[in-house]
PDB file of all heavy atoms in Angstrom:
ATOM      1  N   HIS A   1       0.801  -1.202   0.017  1.00  0.00           N
ATOM      2  CA  HIS A   1       0.014  -0.025   0.010  1.00  0.00           C
ATOM      3  C   HIS A   1       0.849   1.246   0.004  1.00  0.00           C
ATOM      4  O   HIS A   1       0.329   2.379   0.101  1.00  0.00           O
ATOM      5  CB  HIS A   1      -0.922  -0.002   1.242  1.00  0.00           C
ATOM      6  CG  HIS A   1      -2.095  -0.915   1.119  1.00  0.00           C
ATOM      7  ND1 HIS A   1      -1.970  -2.228   0.869  1.00  0.00           N
ATOM      8  CD2 HIS A   1      -3.454  -0.672   1.186  1.00  0.00           C
ATOM      9  CE1 HIS A   1      -3.203  -2.785   0.829  1.00  0.00           C
ATOM     10  NE2 HIS A   1      -4.058  -1.880   1.039  1.00  0.00           N
ATOM     11  N   ILE A   2       2.199   1.098  -0.105  1.00  0.00           N
ATOM     12  CA  ILE A   2       3.088   2.238  -0.118  1.00  0.00           C
ATOM     13  C   ILE A   2       3.810   2.277  -1.451  1.00  0.00           C
ATOM     14  O   ILE A   2       4.464   1.251  -1.849  1.00  0.00           O
ATOM     15  CB  ILE A   2       4.113   2.152   1.062  1.00  0.00           C
ATOM     16  CG1 ILE A   2       3.359   2.127   2.407  1.00  0.00           C
ATOM     17  CG2 ILE A   2       5.034   3.397   1.061  1.00  0.00           C
ATOM     18  CD1 ILE A   2       4.277   1.973   3.615  1.00  0.00           C
ATOM     19  N   PHE A   3       3.766   3.402  -2.172  1.00  0.00           N
ATOM     20  CA  PHE A   3       4.337   3.493  -3.506  1.00  0.00           C
ATOM     21  C   PHE A   3       5.336   4.624  -3.577  1.00  0.00           C
ATOM     22  O   PHE A   3       5.246   5.618  -2.801  1.00  0.00           O
ATOM     23  CB  PHE A   3       3.228   3.717  -4.543  1.00  0.00           C
ATOM     24  CG  PHE A   3       2.131   2.656  -4.579  1.00  0.00           C
ATOM     25  CD1 PHE A   3       1.025   2.738  -3.740  1.00  0.00           C
ATOM     26  CD2 PHE A   3       2.295   1.540  -5.377  1.00  0.00           C
ATOM     27  CE1 PHE A   3       0.072   1.799  -3.767  1.00  0.00           C
ATOM     28  CE2 PHE A   3       1.305   0.569  -5.386  1.00  0.00           C
ATOM     29  CZ  PHE A   3       0.189   0.666  -4.564  1.00  0.00           C
ATOM     30  N   SER A   4       6.322   4.454  -4.494  1.00  0.00           N
ATOM     31  CA  SER A   4       7.326   5.429  -4.568  1.00  0.00           C
ATOM     32  C   SER A   4       6.848   6.739  -5.290  1.00  0.00           C
ATOM     33  O   SER A   4       7.278   7.850  -4.921  1.00  0.00           O
ATOM     34  CB  SER A   4       8.533   4.896  -5.282  1.00  0.00           C
ATOM     35  OG  SER A   4       8.158   4.450  -6.607  1.00  0.00           O
ATOM     36  N   ARG A   5       5.971   6.553  -6.306  1.00  0.00           N
ATOM     37  CA  ARG A   5       5.511   7.694  -7.103  1.00  0.00           C
ATOM     38  C   ARG A   5       4.029   7.591  -7.282  1.00  0.00           C
ATOM     39  O   ARG A   5       3.387   6.576  -7.137  1.00  0.00           O
ATOM     40  CB  ARG A   5       6.230   7.711  -8.460  1.00  0.00           C
ATOM     41  CG  ARG A   5       7.721   7.791  -8.403  1.00  0.00           C
ATOM     42  CD  ARG A   5       8.350   7.598  -9.749  1.00  0.00           C
ATOM     43  NE  ARG A   5       7.805   8.501 -10.727  1.00  0.00           N
ATOM     44  CZ  ARG A   5       7.965   8.427 -12.037  1.00  0.00           C
ATOM     45  NH1 ARG A   5       8.623   7.382 -12.548  1.00  0.00           N
ATOM     46  NH2 ARG A   5       7.473   9.332 -12.853  1.00  0.00           N
ATOM     47  N   LYS A   6       3.449   8.764  -7.652  1.00  0.00           N
ATOM     48  CA  LYS A   6       1.973   8.800  -7.873  1.00  0.00           C
ATOM     49  C   LYS A   6       1.551   7.913  -9.010  1.00  0.00           C
ATOM     50  O   LYS A   6       0.551   7.256  -8.968  1.00  0.00           O
ATOM     51  CB  LYS A   6       1.502  10.252  -8.143  1.00  0.00           C
ATOM     52  CG  LYS A   6       1.515  11.155  -6.915  1.00  0.00           C
ATOM     53  CD  LYS A   6       0.955  12.538  -7.173  1.00  0.00           C
ATOM     54  CE  LYS A   6       1.832  13.377  -8.037  1.00  0.00           C
ATOM     55  NZ  LYS A   6       3.045  13.819  -7.344  1.00  0.00           N
ATOM     56  N   GLU A   7       2.382   7.920 -10.060  1.00  0.00           N
ATOM     57  CA  GLU A   7       2.036   7.060 -11.227  1.00  0.00           C
ATOM     58  C   GLU A   7       1.985   5.566 -10.877  1.00  0.00           C
ATOM     59  O   GLU A   7       1.067   4.838 -11.305  1.00  0.00           O
ATOM     60  CB  GLU A   7       3.046   7.284 -12.380  1.00  0.00           C
ATOM     61  CG  GLU A   7       3.028   8.642 -12.988  1.00  0.00           C
ATOM     62  CD  GLU A   7       3.692   9.722 -12.100  1.00  0.00           C
ATOM     63  OE1 GLU A   7       4.315   9.300 -11.105  1.00  0.00           O
ATOM     64  OE2 GLU A   7       3.617  10.924 -12.407  1.00  0.00           O
ATOM     65  N   ASN A   8       2.957   5.131 -10.100  1.00  0.00           N
ATOM     66  CA  ASN A   8       2.978   3.755  -9.665  1.00  0.00           C
ATOM     67  C   ASN A   8       1.774   3.468  -8.735  1.00  0.00           C
ATOM     68  O   ASN A   8       1.168   2.399  -8.802  1.00  0.00           O
ATOM     69  CB  ASN A   8       4.274   3.434  -8.934  1.00  0.00           C
ATOM     70  CG  ASN A   8       5.461   3.544  -9.792  1.00  0.00           C
ATOM     71  OD1 ASN A   8       5.348   3.534 -11.026  1.00  0.00           O
ATOM     72  ND2 ASN A   8       6.641   3.815  -9.208  1.00  0.00           N
ATOM     73  N   ALA A   9       1.417   4.433  -7.894  1.00  0.00           N
ATOM     74  CA  ALA A   9       0.302   4.270  -7.009  1.00  0.00           C
ATOM     75  C   ALA A   9      -0.990   4.082  -7.778  1.00  0.00           C
ATOM     76  O   ALA A   9      -1.851   3.231  -7.488  1.00  0.00           O
ATOM     77  CB  ALA A   9       0.215   5.432  -6.049  1.00  0.00           C
ATOM     78  N   ILE A  10      -1.212   4.932  -8.779  1.00  0.00           N
ATOM     79  CA  ILE A  10      -2.446   4.883  -9.549  1.00  0.00           C
ATOM     80  C   ILE A  10      -2.557   3.523 -10.290  1.00  0.00           C
ATOM     81  O   ILE A  10      -3.622   2.883 -10.266  1.00  0.00           O
ATOM     82  CB  ILE A  10      -2.491   6.018 -10.634  1.00  0.00           C
ATOM     83  CG1 ILE A  10      -2.508   7.392  -9.898  1.00  0.00           C
ATOM     84  CG2 ILE A  10      -3.717   5.845 -11.526  1.00  0.00           C
ATOM     85  CD1 ILE A  10      -3.695   7.600  -9.020  1.00  0.00           C
ATOM     86  N   ALA A  11      -1.434   3.055 -10.824  1.00  0.00           N
ATOM     87  CA  ALA A  11      -1.423   1.797 -11.522  1.00  0.00           C
ATOM     88  C   ALA A  11      -1.751   0.687 -10.570  1.00  0.00           C
ATOM     89  O   ALA A  11      -2.480  -0.298 -10.921  1.00  0.00           O
ATOM     90  CB  ALA A  11      -0.090   1.539 -12.255  1.00  0.00           C
ATOM     91  N   GLY A  12      -1.192   0.706  -9.387  1.00  0.00           N
ATOM     92  CA  GLY A  12      -1.374  -0.371  -8.437  1.00  0.00           C
ATOM     93  C   GLY A  12      -2.808  -0.327  -7.805  1.00  0.00           C
ATOM     94  O   GLY A  12      -3.422  -1.362  -7.608  1.00  0.00           O
ATOM     95  N   ILE A  13      -3.298   0.847  -7.505  1.00  0.00           N
ATOM     96  CA  ILE A  13      -4.656   0.967  -6.877  1.00  0.00           C
ATOM     97  C   ILE A  13      -5.733   0.650  -7.904  1.00  0.00           C
ATOM     98  O   ILE A  13      -6.810   0.111  -7.608  1.00  0.00           O
ATOM     99  CB  ILE A  13      -4.845   2.403  -6.346  1.00  0.00           C
ATOM    100  CG1 ILE A  13      -3.806   2.651  -5.246  1.00  0.00           C
ATOM    101  CG2 ILE A  13      -6.253   2.592  -5.752  1.00  0.00           C
ATOM    102  CD1 ILE A  13      -3.765   4.122  -4.739  1.00  0.00           C
ATOM    103  N   PHE A  14      -5.506   1.060  -9.202  1.00  0.00           N
ATOM    104  CA  PHE A  14      -6.487   0.857 -10.210  1.00  0.00           C
ATOM    105  C   PHE A  14      -6.949  -0.651 -10.297  1.00  0.00           C
ATOM    106  O   PHE A  14      -8.141  -0.929 -10.540  1.00  0.00           O
ATOM    107  CB  PHE A  14      -5.970   1.288 -11.578  1.00  0.00           C
ATOM    108  CG  PHE A  14      -6.979   1.220 -12.700  1.00  0.00           C
ATOM    109  CD1 PHE A  14      -7.944   2.255 -12.788  1.00  0.00           C
ATOM    110  CD2 PHE A  14      -6.990   0.177 -13.599  1.00  0.00           C
ATOM    111  CE1 PHE A  14      -8.889   2.205 -13.860  1.00  0.00           C
ATOM    112  CE2 PHE A  14      -7.987   0.150 -14.614  1.00  0.00           C
ATOM    113  CZ  PHE A  14      -8.887   1.130 -14.706  1.00  0.00           C
ATOM    114  N   GLU A  15      -6.032  -1.548 -10.106  1.00  0.00           N
ATOM    115  CA  GLU A  15      -6.392  -2.967 -10.190  1.00  0.00           C
ATOM    116  C   GLU A  15      -7.325  -3.357  -9.014  1.00  0.00           C
ATOM    117  O   GLU A  15      -7.908  -4.447  -9.104  1.00  0.00           O
ATOM    118  CB  GLU A  15      -5.081  -3.809 -10.165  1.00  0.00           C
ATOM    119  CG  GLU A  15      -4.135  -3.508 -11.324  1.00  0.00           C
ATOM    120  CD  GLU A  15      -4.794  -3.794 -12.671  1.00  0.00           C
ATOM    121  OE1 GLU A  15      -5.622  -4.732 -12.719  1.00  0.00           O
ATOM    122  OE2 GLU A  15      -4.465  -3.085 -13.626  1.00  0.00           O
ATOM    123  N   ARG A  16      -7.393  -2.623  -7.993  1.00  0.00           N
ATOM    124  CA  ARG A  16      -8.238  -2.971  -6.793  1.00  0.00           C
ATOM    125  C   ARG A  16      -9.575  -2.213  -6.814  1.00  0.00           C
ATOM    126  O   ARG A  16     -10.377  -2.474  -5.942  1.00  0.00           O
ATOM    127  CB  ARG A  16      -7.452  -2.588  -5.548  1.00  0.00           C
ATOM    128  CG  ARG A  16      -6.053  -3.121  -5.523  1.00  0.00           C
ATOM    129  CD  ARG A  16      -5.280  -2.713  -4.267  1.00  0.00           C
ATOM    130  NE  ARG A  16      -3.868  -2.951  -4.449  1.00  0.00           N
ATOM    131  CZ  ARG A  16      -2.924  -2.879  -3.518  1.00  0.00           C
ATOM    132  NH1 ARG A  16      -3.323  -2.524  -2.315  1.00  0.00           N
ATOM    133  NH2 ARG A  16      -1.674  -3.130  -3.774  1.00  0.00           N
ATOM    134  N   LEU A  17      -9.823  -1.409  -7.857  1.00  0.00           N
ATOM    135  CA  LEU A  17     -11.121  -0.736  -7.896  1.00  0.00           C
ATOM    136  C   LEU A  17     -12.187  -1.692  -8.489  1.00  0.00           C
ATOM    137  O   LEU A  17     -11.826  -2.723  -9.177  1.00  0.00           O
ATOM    138  CB  LEU A  17     -10.969   0.503  -8.856  1.00  0.00           C
ATOM    139  CG  LEU A  17      -9.942   1.559  -8.405  1.00  0.00           C
ATOM    140  CD1 LEU A  17      -9.983   2.719  -9.376  1.00  0.00           C
ATOM    141  CD2 LEU A  17     -10.228   2.069  -7.006  1.00  0.00           C
ATOM    142  N   GLU A  18     -13.426  -1.350  -8.228  1.00  0.00           N
ATOM    143  CA  GLU A  18     -14.518  -2.187  -8.720  1.00  0.00           C
ATOM    144  C   GLU A  18     -14.648  -1.954 -10.243  1.00  0.00           C
ATOM    145  O   GLU A  18     -14.975  -0.872 -10.674  1.00  0.00           O
ATOM    146  CB  GLU A  18     -15.843  -1.845  -8.033  1.00  0.00           C
ATOM    147  CG  GLU A  18     -15.809  -2.135  -6.543  1.00  0.00           C
ATOM    148  CD  GLU A  18     -17.144  -1.893  -5.874  1.00  0.00           C
ATOM    149  OE1 GLU A  18     -18.171  -1.999  -6.539  1.00  0.00           O
ATOM    150  OE2 GLU A  18     -17.169  -1.555  -4.684  1.00  0.00           O
ATOM    151  N   ARG A  19     -14.404  -3.060 -10.984  1.00  0.00           N
ATOM    152  CA  ARG A  19     -14.384  -2.985 -12.480  1.00  0.00           C
ATOM    153  C   ARG A  19     -15.751  -2.548 -13.054  1.00  0.00           C
ATOM    154  O   ARG A  19     -15.872  -1.854 -14.005  1.00  0.00           O
ATOM    155  CB  ARG A  19     -13.908  -4.258 -13.054  1.00  0.00           C
ATOM    156  CG  ARG A  19     -13.697  -4.229 -14.539  1.00  0.00           C
ATOM    157  CD  ARG A  19     -12.738  -3.100 -14.954  1.00  0.00           C
ATOM    158  NE  ARG A  19     -11.482  -3.149 -14.215  1.00  0.00           N
ATOM    159  CZ  ARG A  19     -10.420  -3.809 -14.681  1.00  0.00           C
ATOM    160  NH1 ARG A  19     -10.449  -4.448 -15.817  1.00  0.00           N
ATOM    161  NH2 ARG A  19      -9.296  -3.818 -13.968  1.00  0.00           N
ATOM    162  N   GLU A  20     -16.839  -3.011 -12.407  1.00  0.00           N
ATOM    163  CA  GLU A  20     -18.163  -2.698 -12.901  1.00  0.00           C
ATOM    164  C   GLU A  20     -18.425  -1.162 -12.918  1.00  0.00           C
ATOM    165  O   GLU A  20     -18.957  -0.622 -13.806  1.00  0.00           O
ATOM    166  CB  GLU A  20     -19.198  -3.417 -12.076  1.00  0.00           C
ATOM    167  CG  GLU A  20     -20.642  -3.215 -12.613  1.00  0.00           C
ATOM    168  CD  GLU A  20     -21.636  -4.014 -11.845  1.00  0.00           C
ATOM    169  OE1 GLU A  20     -21.225  -4.838 -11.010  1.00  0.00           O
ATOM    170  OE2 GLU A  20     -22.872  -3.791 -12.020  1.00  0.00           O
ATOM    171  N   ILE A  21     -17.966  -0.528 -11.819  1.00  0.00           N
ATOM    172  CA  ILE A  21     -18.119   0.920 -11.736  1.00  0.00           C
ATOM    173  C   ILE A  21     -17.226   1.635 -12.794  1.00  0.00           C
ATOM    174  O   ILE A  21     -17.633   2.596 -13.405  1.00  0.00           O
ATOM    175  CB  ILE A  21     -17.784   1.430 -10.300  1.00  0.00           C
ATOM    176  CG1 ILE A  21     -18.718   0.863  -9.301  1.00  0.00           C
ATOM    177  CG2 ILE A  21     -17.765   2.971 -10.218  1.00  0.00           C
ATOM    178  CD1 ILE A  21     -18.449   1.253  -7.890  1.00  0.00           C
ATOM    179  N   CYS A  22     -16.049   1.072 -12.988  1.00  0.00           N
ATOM    180  CA  CYS A  22     -15.143   1.664 -13.962  1.00  0.00           C
ATOM    181  C   CYS A  22     -15.720   1.589 -15.351  1.00  0.00           C
ATOM    182  O   CYS A  22     -15.555   2.480 -16.190  1.00  0.00           O
ATOM    183  CB  CYS A  22     -13.774   0.968 -13.940  1.00  0.00           C
ATOM    184  SG  CYS A  22     -12.812   1.229 -12.459  1.00  0.00           S
ATOM    185  N   GLU A  23     -16.444   0.453 -15.667  1.00  0.00           N
ATOM    186  CA  GLU A  23     -17.008   0.275 -17.009  1.00  0.00           C
ATOM    187  C   GLU A  23     -18.091   1.292 -17.280  1.00  0.00           C
ATOM    188  O   GLU A  23     -18.325   1.718 -18.435  1.00  0.00           O
ATOM    189  CB  GLU A  23     -17.543  -1.168 -17.220  1.00  0.00           C
ATOM    190  CG  GLU A  23     -16.405  -2.178 -17.245  1.00  0.00           C
ATOM    191  CD  GLU A  23     -16.947  -3.631 -17.251  1.00  0.00           C
ATOM    192  OE1 GLU A  23     -18.223  -3.738 -17.069  1.00  0.00           O
ATOM    193  OE2 GLU A  23     -16.159  -4.575 -17.413  1.00  0.00           O
ATOM    194  N   ARG A  24     -18.864   1.645 -16.221  1.00  0.00           N
ATOM    195  CA  ARG A  24     -19.971   2.625 -16.450  1.00  0.00           C
ATOM    196  C   ARG A  24     -19.498   4.057 -16.271  1.00  0.00           C
ATOM    197  O   ARG A  24     -20.284   4.950 -16.530  1.00  0.00           O
ATOM    198  CB  ARG A  24     -21.071   2.302 -15.438  1.00  0.00           C
ATOM    199  CG  ARG A  24     -21.746   0.945 -15.653  1.00  0.00           C
ATOM    200  CD  ARG A  24     -22.950   0.865 -14.712  1.00  0.00           C
ATOM    201  NE  ARG A  24     -23.725  -0.360 -14.909  1.00  0.00           N
ATOM    202  CZ  ARG A  24     -23.525  -1.485 -14.246  1.00  0.00           C
ATOM    203  NH1 ARG A  24     -22.643  -1.492 -13.278  1.00  0.00           N
ATOM    204  NH2 ARG A  24     -24.269  -2.514 -14.463  1.00  0.00           N
ATOM    205  N   CYS A  25     -18.291   4.280 -15.788  1.00  0.00           N
ATOM    206  CA  CYS A  25     -17.781   5.629 -15.477  1.00  0.00           C
ATOM    207  C   CYS A  25     -17.461   6.378 -16.774  1.00  0.00           C
ATOM    208  O   CYS A  25     -16.857   5.834 -17.728  1.00  0.00           O
ATOM    209  CB  CYS A  25     -16.509   5.521 -14.617  1.00  0.00           C
ATOM    210  SG  CYS A  25     -15.789   7.135 -14.237  1.00  0.00           S
ATOM    211  N   THR A  26     -17.790   7.656 -16.860  1.00  0.00           N
ATOM    212  CA  THR A  26     -17.492   8.491 -17.996  1.00  0.00           C
ATOM    213  C   THR A  26     -16.311   9.429 -17.751  1.00  0.00           C
ATOM    214  O   THR A  26     -15.942  10.161 -18.682  1.00  0.00           O
ATOM    215  CB  THR A  26     -18.726   9.350 -18.404  1.00  0.00           C
ATOM    216  OG1 THR A  26     -19.107  10.158 -17.292  1.00  0.00           O
ATOM    217  CG2 THR A  26     -19.904   8.420 -18.746  1.00  0.00           C
TER     218      THR A  26
END
């Protein structure tokens, strides 16, 4: 849960988000 940079954090956290919400998100 600790990342060196924001870009790495976004890439790592994105995999843990609810995909169904992501598919409907604009």
